[in-house]
Amino acid sequence: METVLIVVHLLLSLALIGLVLIQHGKGADAGAAFGSGASATVFGSQGSGNFLSRTTAILATLFFITSLALAYFAMNTARDTGLMDRATPAAEQPAVPATGDLPPVADEPAAQGDVPAVPVPAE
């Protein structure tokens, strides 16, 4: 349903852009009064303005309605939780010992592994 609404919203927006670009501005009416061929249009000399403005208003209303519907669907969808928002279950969390249960600290140095000794500079 949401995908269909997105496609309709996109088609409405393209149609609305096209209709706005087709319409003449207010200054174009003065040129049409002096016989610039406006009477030879498909809608007649005055019909195109009313038809295009009415169609633009209808498409703008439908665009507004689909925008509200898409906002409603976006509000009701569950968000995916990010990695930081996910809590680990209690069974997987490591047990933290109480302060009195800490193991004693060994006084002997850590065992030498594969790490070479750092040479000490001569003074």
Protein backbone atom coordinates (compact mmCIF):
# COMPACT_ATOMS: atom_id res chain seq x y z
CA MET A 1 0.00 0.00 0.00
CA GLU A 2 2.78 2.38 0.91
CA THR A 3 4.68 1.64 -2.30
CA VAL A 4 1.59 2.39 -4.41
CA LEU A 5 1.13 5.65 -2.51
CA ILE A 6 4.75 6.63 -3.15
CA VAL A 7 4.35 5.97 -6.88
CA VAL A 8 1.12 8.02 -7.00
CA HIS A 9 2.83 10.80 -5.04
CA LEU A 10 5.72 10.85 -7.51
CA LEU A 11 3.40 10.93 -10.53
CA LEU A 12 1.36 13.74 -8.97
CA SER A 13 4.50 15.76 -8.34
CA LEU A 14 5.70 15.36 -11.93
CA ALA A 15 2.27 16.29 -13.31
CA LEU A 16 2.11 19.31 -11.01
CA ILE A 17 5.53 20.48 -12.16
CA GLY A 18 4.50 20.08 -15.79
CA LEU A 19 1.26 22.00 -15.36
CA VAL A 20 2.95 24.87 -13.59
CA LEU A 21 5.53 25.14 -16.37
CA ILE A 22 2.86 25.07 -19.09
CA GLN A 23 0.83 27.94 -17.64
CA HIS A 24 1.35 31.48 -18.83
CA GLY A 25 2.23 34.23 -16.44
CA LYS A 26 0.12 37.31 -15.78
CA GLY A 27 2.12 39.34 -18.28
CA ALA A 28 1.32 36.96 -21.14
CA ASP A 29 -2.33 38.07 -21.20
CA ALA A 30 -1.44 41.47 -22.64
CA GLY A 31 0.25 39.87 -25.64
CA ALA A 32 -2.74 37.64 -26.29
CA ALA A 33 -5.03 40.69 -26.47
CA PHE A 34 -3.21 41.98 -29.55
CA GLY A 35 -3.82 38.85 -31.60
CA SER A 36 -0.82 36.67 -30.89
CA GLY A 37 -2.71 33.53 -31.91
CA ALA A 38 -4.28 32.66 -28.58
CA SER A 39 -7.62 31.95 -30.21
CA ALA A 40 -6.10 29.05 -32.15
CA THR A 41 -5.26 27.03 -29.04
CA VAL A 42 -6.97 23.77 -28.11
CA PHE A 43 -9.03 25.33 -25.32
CA GLY A 44 -9.94 28.55 -27.08
CA SER A 45 -8.80 32.04 -26.20
CA GLN A 46 -9.85 31.90 -22.54
CA GLY A 47 -10.48 28.24 -21.75
CA SER A 48 -6.88 27.14 -21.17
CA GLY A 49 -6.34 29.43 -18.19
CA ASN A 50 -9.36 28.16 -16.31
CA PHE A 51 -8.71 24.52 -17.21
CA LEU A 52 -5.01 24.60 -16.30
CA SER A 53 -5.52 26.52 -13.06
CA ARG A 54 -8.36 24.22 -11.99
CA THR A 55 -6.32 21.11 -12.83
CA THR A 56 -3.33 22.51 -10.96
CA ALA A 57 -5.47 23.14 -7.89
CA ILE A 58 -6.86 19.58 -7.99
CA LEU A 59 -3.40 18.06 -8.39
CA ALA A 60 -2.02 20.22 -5.58
CA THR A 61 -4.83 19.04 -3.29
CA LEU A 62 -4.16 15.39 -4.18
CA PHE A 63 -0.42 15.96 -3.63
CA PHE A 64 -1.16 17.38 -0.19
CA ILE A 65 -3.39 14.42 0.71
CA THR A 66 -0.79 11.87 -0.39
CA SER A 67 1.85 13.77 1.60
CA LEU A 68 -0.28 13.49 4.73
CA ALA A 69 -0.93 9.78 4.07
CA LEU A 70 2.78 9.09 3.65
CA ALA A 71 3.51 10.96 6.88
CA TYR A 72 0.90 8.84 8.66
CA PHE A 73 2.45 5.61 7.35
CA ALA A 74 5.93 6.78 8.32
CA MET A 75 4.73 7.57 11.84
CA ASN A 76 3.24 4.11 12.35
CA THR A 77 6.14 2.01 11.06
CA ALA A 78 8.47 0.45 13.57
CA ARG A 79 11.98 1.79 13.51
CA ASP A 80 14.93 -0.54 13.22
CA THR A 81 17.05 -0.34 16.31
CA GLY A 82 20.67 0.50 15.82
CA LEU A 83 23.58 -1.51 17.12
CA MET A 84 23.95 0.73 20.15
CA ASP A 85 20.24 0.55 20.98
CA ARG A 86 20.15 -3.24 21.17
CA ALA A 87 20.54 -4.57 24.67
CA THR A 88 22.26 -7.89 25.25
CA PRO A 89 20.12 -10.44 27.05
CA ALA A 90 20.89 -11.11 30.70
CA ALA A 91 22.07 -14.66 29.93
CA GLU A 92 24.82 -13.35 27.63
CA GLN A 93 26.12 -10.62 29.93
CA PRO A 94 29.31 -11.53 31.78
CA ALA A 95 29.01 -11.87 35.52
CA VAL A 96 30.69 -9.02 37.38
CA PRO A 97 32.10 -10.12 40.74
CA ALA A 98 31.24 -8.13 43.83
CA THR A 99 34.00 -5.96 45.32
CA GLY A 100 34.77 -8.51 48.04
CA ASP A 101 35.00 -11.39 45.54
CA LEU A 102 37.90 -10.00 43.49
CA PRO A 103 40.84 -12.38 43.01
CA PRO A 104 44.12 -11.41 44.67
CA VAL A 105 46.61 -9.50 42.57
CA ALA A 106 49.79 -11.43 41.84
CA ASP A 107 53.07 -9.70 42.70
CA GLU A 108 55.02 -11.53 40.03
CA PRO A 109 55.42 -9.96 36.58
CA ALA A 110 53.41 -11.15 33.64
CA ALA A 111 54.79 -14.13 31.75
CA GLN A 112 57.11 -13.27 28.89
CA GLY A 113 55.43 -14.14 25.62
CA ASP A 114 56.41 -13.51 22.05
CA VAL A 115 57.04 -9.83 22.75
CA PRO A 116 60.77 -8.96 22.78
CA ALA A 117 62.22 -7.00 25.65
CA VAL A 118 62.63 -3.26 25.19
CA PRO A 119 66.28 -2.23 25.34
CA VAL A 120 67.13 0.27 28.04
CA PRO A 121 69.22 3.23 26.84
CA ALA A 122 72.64 3.61 28.47
CA GLU A 123 73.04 6.63 30.66
